[in-house]
Structures are given as structure tokens and as C-alpha cells.
């Protein structure tokens, strides 16, 4: 069971870690994406965020 959680975390956290700062959200908030309901909340927050910072790319 723990192995599945680790694999899920390795697959889910890096994309959030990259995308969150572009929407003005600290990257360490990506750790919350380990929990599916919070991942949906972060996606919702990014979808309706007014700040999109593309200066880094």
C-alpha cells in the first residue's frame, strides 16, 4: 500500500511543482496533491486563477 502511495506521489507532485508557480501559488503546495481531493482543489484553483506568470518560460 505504501509503495502505491510513493509511486503516485512521484508521478503527481512534479507537474504540480512546475505549474503552481505559474499561477502565483507557492510550489511547495504541490505536496497537497498527494491527496486526490486536494489535487482536484489545486486544479480548480489553477483553472480559475487570474495570475498567469509566463516570464519564467
PDB file of N, CA and C in Angstrom:
ATOM      1  N   UNK A   1       0.823  -1.191   0.000  1.00  0.00           N
ATOM      2  CA  UNK A   1       0.000   0.000   0.000  1.00  0.00           C
ATOM      3  C   UNK A   1       0.865   1.253   0.000  1.00  0.00           C
ATOM      4  N   UNK A   2       1.897   1.246   0.797  1.00  0.00           N
ATOM      5  CA  UNK A   2       2.800   2.391   0.864  1.00  0.00           C
ATOM      6  C   UNK A   2       3.530   2.574  -0.465  1.00  0.00           C
ATOM      7  N   UNK A   3       3.842   1.481  -1.123  1.00  0.00           N
ATOM      8  CA  UNK A   3       4.520   1.552  -2.415  1.00  0.00           C
ATOM      9  C   UNK A   3       3.652   2.277  -3.445  1.00  0.00           C
ATOM     10  N   UNK A   4       2.348   2.005  -3.430  1.00  0.00           N
ATOM     11  CA  UNK A   4       1.441   2.680  -4.358  1.00  0.00           C
ATOM     12  C   UNK A   4       1.390   4.181  -4.085  1.00  0.00           C
ATOM     13  N   UNK A   5       1.399   4.561  -2.832  1.00  0.00           N
ATOM     14  CA  UNK A   5       1.382   5.972  -2.472  1.00  0.00           C
ATOM     15  C   UNK A   5       2.654   6.673  -2.938  1.00  0.00           C
ATOM     16  N   UNK A   6       3.784   6.013  -2.791  1.00  0.00           N
ATOM     17  CA  UNK A   6       5.053   6.596  -3.222  1.00  0.00           C
ATOM     18  C   UNK A   6       5.076   6.746  -4.747  1.00  0.00           C
ATOM     19  N   UNK A   7       4.629   5.741  -5.464  1.00  0.00           N
ATOM     20  CA  UNK A   7       4.588   5.819  -6.936  1.00  0.00           C
ATOM     21  C   UNK A   7       3.643   6.928  -7.380  1.00  0.00           C
ATOM     22  N   UNK A   8       2.484   7.012  -6.751  1.00  0.00           N
ATOM     23  CA  UNK A   8       1.520   8.066  -7.070  1.00  0.00           C
ATOM     24  C   UNK A   8       2.124   9.449  -6.806  1.00  0.00           C
ATOM     25  N   UNK A   9       2.793   9.607  -5.676  1.00  0.00           N
ATOM     26  CA  UNK A   9       3.394  10.891  -5.333  1.00  0.00           C
ATOM     27  C   UNK A   9       4.478  11.280  -6.337  1.00  0.00           C
ATOM     28  N   UNK A  10       5.282  10.314  -6.759  1.00  0.00           N
ATOM     29  CA  UNK A  10       6.358  10.600  -7.717  1.00  0.00           C
ATOM     30  C   UNK A  10       5.780  11.007  -9.070  1.00  0.00           C
ATOM     31  N   UNK A  11       4.635  10.490  -9.428  1.00  0.00           N
ATOM     32  CA  UNK A  11       4.013  10.827 -10.707  1.00  0.00           C
ATOM     33  C   UNK A  11       3.200  12.117 -10.667  1.00  0.00           C
ATOM     34  N   UNK A  12       2.677  12.480  -9.508  1.00  0.00           N
ATOM     35  CA  UNK A  12       1.760  13.616  -9.424  1.00  0.00           C
ATOM     36  C   UNK A  12       2.442  14.911  -8.979  1.00  0.00           C
ATOM     37  N   UNK A  13       3.357  14.848  -8.049  1.00  0.00           N
ATOM     38  CA  UNK A  13       3.936  16.073  -7.485  1.00  0.00           C
ATOM     39  C   UNK A  13       4.746  16.892  -8.487  1.00  0.00           C
ATOM     40  N   UNK A  14       5.632  16.314  -9.305  1.00  0.00           N
ATOM     41  CA  UNK A  14       6.441  17.169 -10.207  1.00  0.00           C
ATOM     42  C   UNK A  14       5.642  18.054 -11.163  1.00  0.00           C
ATOM     43  N   UNK A  15       4.570  17.574 -11.806  1.00  0.00           N
ATOM     44  CA  UNK A  15       3.814  18.502 -12.658  1.00  0.00           C
ATOM     45  C   UNK A  15       3.191  19.661 -11.875  1.00  0.00           C
ATOM     46  N   UNK A  16       2.665  19.370 -10.694  1.00  0.00           N
ATOM     47  CA  UNK A  16       2.113  20.444  -9.876  1.00  0.00           C
ATOM     48  C   UNK A  16       3.208  21.407  -9.439  1.00  0.00           C
ATOM     49  N   UNK A  17       4.382  20.877  -9.115  1.00  0.00           N
ATOM     50  CA  UNK A  17       5.507  21.703  -8.662  1.00  0.00           C
ATOM     51  C   UNK A  17       5.911  22.699  -9.756  1.00  0.00           C
ATOM     52  N   UNK A  18       5.786  22.303 -11.010  1.00  0.00           N
ATOM     53  CA  UNK A  18       6.137  23.174 -12.132  1.00  0.00           C
ATOM     54  C   UNK A  18       5.001  24.150 -12.449  1.00  0.00           C
ATOM     55  N   UNK A  19       3.765  23.688 -12.400  1.00  0.00           N
ATOM     56  CA  UNK A  19       2.635  24.520 -12.816  1.00  0.00           C
ATOM     57  C   UNK A  19       2.172  25.529 -11.768  1.00  0.00           C
ATOM     58  N   UNK A  20       2.256  25.213 -10.503  1.00  0.00           N
ATOM     59  CA  UNK A  20       1.734  26.102  -9.469  1.00  0.00           C
ATOM     60  C   UNK A  20       2.392  27.479  -9.453  1.00  0.00           C
ATOM     61  N   UNK A  21       3.724  27.600  -9.559  1.00  0.00           N
ATOM     62  CA  UNK A  21       4.311  28.951  -9.549  1.00  0.00           C
ATOM     63  C   UNK A  21       3.850  29.818 -10.724  1.00  0.00           C
ATOM     64  N   UNK A  22       3.490  29.221 -11.831  1.00  0.00           N
ATOM     65  CA  UNK A  22       2.996  29.990 -12.973  1.00  0.00           C
ATOM     66  C   UNK A  22       1.653  30.641 -12.681  1.00  0.00           C
ATOM     67  N   UNK A  23       0.962  30.141 -11.668  1.00  0.00           N
ATOM     68  CA  UNK A  23      -0.339  30.693 -11.287  1.00  0.00           C
ATOM     69  C   UNK A  23      -0.260  31.467  -9.976  1.00  0.00           C
ATOM     70  N   UNK A  24       0.949  31.762  -9.521  1.00  0.00           N
ATOM     71  CA  UNK A  24       1.127  32.554  -8.312  1.00  0.00           C
ATOM     72  C   UNK A  24       0.952  31.790  -7.022  1.00  0.00           C
ATOM     73  N   UNK A  25       1.056  30.481  -7.070  1.00  0.00           N
ATOM     74  CA  UNK A  25       0.896  29.631  -5.885  1.00  0.00           C
ATOM     75  C   UNK A  25       2.265  29.045  -5.558  1.00  0.00           C
ATOM     76  N   UNK A  26       2.667  29.049  -4.284  1.00  0.00           N
ATOM     77  CA  UNK A  26       3.980  28.506  -3.933  1.00  0.00           C
ATOM     78  C   UNK A  26       4.122  27.038  -4.353  1.00  0.00           C
ATOM     79  N   UNK A  27       5.283  26.651  -4.868  1.00  0.00           N
ATOM     80  CA  UNK A  27       5.450  25.281  -5.364  1.00  0.00           C
ATOM     81  C   UNK A  27       5.329  24.206  -4.291  1.00  0.00           C
ATOM     82  N   UNK A  28       5.634  24.539  -3.042  1.00  0.00           N
ATOM     83  CA  UNK A  28       5.536  23.516  -2.000  1.00  0.00           C
ATOM     84  C   UNK A  28       4.086  23.108  -1.734  1.00  0.00           C
ATOM     85  N   UNK A  29       3.124  23.838  -2.264  1.00  0.00           N
ATOM     86  CA  UNK A  29       1.722  23.438  -2.149  1.00  0.00           C
ATOM     87  C   UNK A  29       1.450  22.174  -2.967  1.00  0.00           C
ATOM     88  N   UNK A  30       2.376  21.806  -3.853  1.00  0.00           N
ATOM     89  CA  UNK A  30       2.219  20.595  -4.662  1.00  0.00           C
ATOM     90  C   UNK A  30       2.182  19.344  -3.795  1.00  0.00           C
ATOM     91  N   UNK A  31       2.730  19.420  -2.612  1.00  0.00           N
ATOM     92  CA  UNK A  31       2.715  18.264  -1.712  1.00  0.00           C
ATOM     93  C   UNK A  31       1.281  17.894  -1.337  1.00  0.00           C
ATOM     94  N   UNK A  32       0.389  18.886  -1.341  1.00  0.00           N
ATOM     95  CA  UNK A  32      -1.017  18.605  -1.034  1.00  0.00           C
ATOM     96  C   UNK A  32      -1.658  17.726  -2.103  1.00  0.00           C
ATOM     97  N   UNK A  33      -1.075  17.684  -3.298  1.00  0.00           N
ATOM     98  CA  UNK A  33      -1.647  16.913  -4.399  1.00  0.00           C
ATOM     99  C   UNK A  33      -1.553  15.413  -4.166  1.00  0.00           C
ATOM    100  N   UNK A  34      -0.876  14.986  -3.117  1.00  0.00           N
ATOM    101  CA  UNK A  34      -0.818  13.569  -2.787  1.00  0.00           C
ATOM    102  C   UNK A  34      -2.228  13.046  -2.500  1.00  0.00           C
ATOM    103  N   UNK A  35      -3.061  13.900  -1.917  1.00  0.00           N
ATOM    104  CA  UNK A  35      -4.430  13.521  -1.599  1.00  0.00           C
ATOM    105  C   UNK A  35      -5.329  13.924  -2.767  1.00  0.00           C
ATOM    106  N   UNK A  36      -6.033  12.984  -3.364  1.00  0.00           N
ATOM    107  CA  UNK A  36      -6.804  13.264  -4.586  1.00  0.00           C
ATOM    108  C   UNK A  36      -7.783  14.427  -4.480  1.00  0.00           C
ATOM    109  N   UNK A  37      -8.472  14.571  -3.372  1.00  0.00           N
ATOM    110  CA  UNK A  37      -9.436  15.668  -3.255  1.00  0.00           C
ATOM    111  C   UNK A  37      -8.721  17.013  -3.251  1.00  0.00           C
ATOM    112  N   UNK A  38      -7.542  17.071  -2.656  1.00  0.00           N
ATOM    113  CA  UNK A  38      -6.770  18.312  -2.665  1.00  0.00           C
ATOM    114  C   UNK A  38      -6.167  18.569  -4.038  1.00  0.00           C
ATOM    115  N   UNK A  39      -5.837  17.505  -4.763  1.00  0.00           N
ATOM    116  CA  UNK A  39      -5.326  17.677  -6.133  1.00  0.00           C
ATOM    117  C   UNK A  39      -6.404  18.291  -7.016  1.00  0.00           C
ATOM    118  N   UNK A  40      -7.629  17.844  -6.844  1.00  0.00           N
ATOM    119  CA  UNK A  40      -8.740  18.428  -7.603  1.00  0.00           C
ATOM    120  C   UNK A  40      -8.922  19.888  -7.199  1.00  0.00           C
ATOM    121  N   UNK A  41      -8.779  20.183  -5.936  1.00  0.00           N
ATOM    122  CA  UNK A  41      -8.867  21.570  -5.467  1.00  0.00           C
ATOM    123  C   UNK A  41      -7.780  22.442  -6.061  1.00  0.00           C
ATOM    124  N   UNK A  42      -6.559  21.928  -6.149  1.00  0.00           N
ATOM    125  CA  UNK A  42      -5.468  22.691  -6.760  1.00  0.00           C
ATOM    126  C   UNK A  42      -5.720  22.913  -8.244  1.00  0.00           C
ATOM    127  N   UNK A  43      -6.226  21.894  -8.921  1.00  0.00           N
ATOM    128  CA  UNK A  43      -6.564  22.065 -10.341  1.00  0.00           C
ATOM    129  C   UNK A  43      -7.640  23.129 -10.520  1.00  0.00           C
ATOM    130  N   UNK A  44      -8.633  23.113  -9.651  1.00  0.00           N
ATOM    131  CA  UNK A  44      -9.703  24.107  -9.703  1.00  0.00           C
ATOM    132  C   UNK A  44      -9.137  25.498  -9.459  1.00  0.00           C
ATOM    133  N   UNK A  45      -8.253  25.613  -8.485  1.00  0.00           N
ATOM    134  CA  UNK A  45      -7.622  26.891  -8.172  1.00  0.00           C
ATOM    135  C   UNK A  45      -6.800  27.404  -9.346  1.00  0.00           C
ATOM    136  N   UNK A  46      -6.061  26.516  -9.997  1.00  0.00           N
ATOM    137  CA  UNK A  46      -5.264  26.930 -11.156  1.00  0.00           C
ATOM    138  C   UNK A  46      -6.160  27.312 -12.328  1.00  0.00           C
ATOM    139  N   UNK A  47      -7.255  26.624 -12.514  1.00  0.00           N
ATOM    140  CA  UNK A  47      -8.143  26.896 -13.642  1.00  0.00           C
ATOM    141  C   UNK A  47      -8.783  28.274 -13.529  1.00  0.00           C
ATOM    142  N   UNK A  48      -9.086  28.697 -12.313  1.00  0.00           N
ATOM    143  CA  UNK A  48      -9.773  29.969 -12.130  1.00  0.00           C
ATOM    144  C   UNK A  48      -8.850  31.069 -11.607  1.00  0.00           C
ATOM    145  N   UNK A  49      -7.547  30.817 -11.635  1.00  0.00           N
ATOM    146  CA  UNK A  49      -6.580  31.826 -11.197  1.00  0.00           C
ATOM    147  C   UNK A  49      -6.450  32.898 -12.272  1.00  0.00           C
ATOM    148  N   UNK A  50      -6.416  34.145 -11.843  1.00  0.00           N
ATOM    149  CA  UNK A  50      -6.258  35.259 -12.768  1.00  0.00           C
ATOM    150  C   UNK A  50      -4.791  35.526 -13.099  1.00  0.00           C
ATOM    151  N   UNK A  51      -3.905  35.137 -12.209  1.00  0.00           N
ATOM    152  CA  UNK A  51      -2.489  35.420 -12.421  1.00  0.00           C
ATOM    153  C   UNK A  51      -1.817  34.255 -13.132  1.00  0.00           C
ATOM    154  N   UNK A  52      -1.336  34.524 -14.326  1.00  0.00           N
ATOM    155  CA  UNK A  52      -0.572  33.527 -15.074  1.00  0.00           C
ATOM    156  C   UNK A  52       0.768  34.162 -15.417  1.00  0.00           C
ATOM    157  N   UNK A  53       1.826  33.676 -14.796  1.00  0.00           N
ATOM    158  CA  UNK A  53       3.148  34.251 -14.947  1.00  0.00           C
ATOM    159  C   UNK A  53       3.966  33.382 -15.890  1.00  0.00           C
ATOM    160  N   UNK A  54       4.166  33.840 -17.116  1.00  0.00           N
ATOM    161  CA  UNK A  54       4.934  33.067 -18.098  1.00  0.00           C
ATOM    162  C   UNK A  54       6.320  33.664 -18.322  1.00  0.00           C
ATOM    163  N   UNK A  55       6.788  34.510 -17.416  1.00  0.00           N
ATOM    164  CA  UNK A  55       8.109  35.121 -17.568  1.00  0.00           C
ATOM    165  C   UNK A  55       9.215  34.090 -17.425  1.00  0.00           C
ATOM    166  N   UNK A  56       8.972  33.040 -16.666  1.00  0.00           N
ATOM    167  CA  UNK A  56       9.982  32.006 -16.451  1.00  0.00           C
ATOM    168  C   UNK A  56      10.209  31.139 -17.668  1.00  0.00           C
ATOM    169  N   UNK A  57       9.254  31.075 -18.571  1.00  0.00           N
ATOM    170  CA  UNK A  57       9.365  30.212 -19.766  1.00  0.00           C
ATOM    171  C   UNK A  57       9.360  31.028 -21.021  1.00  0.00           C
TER     172      UNK A  57
END
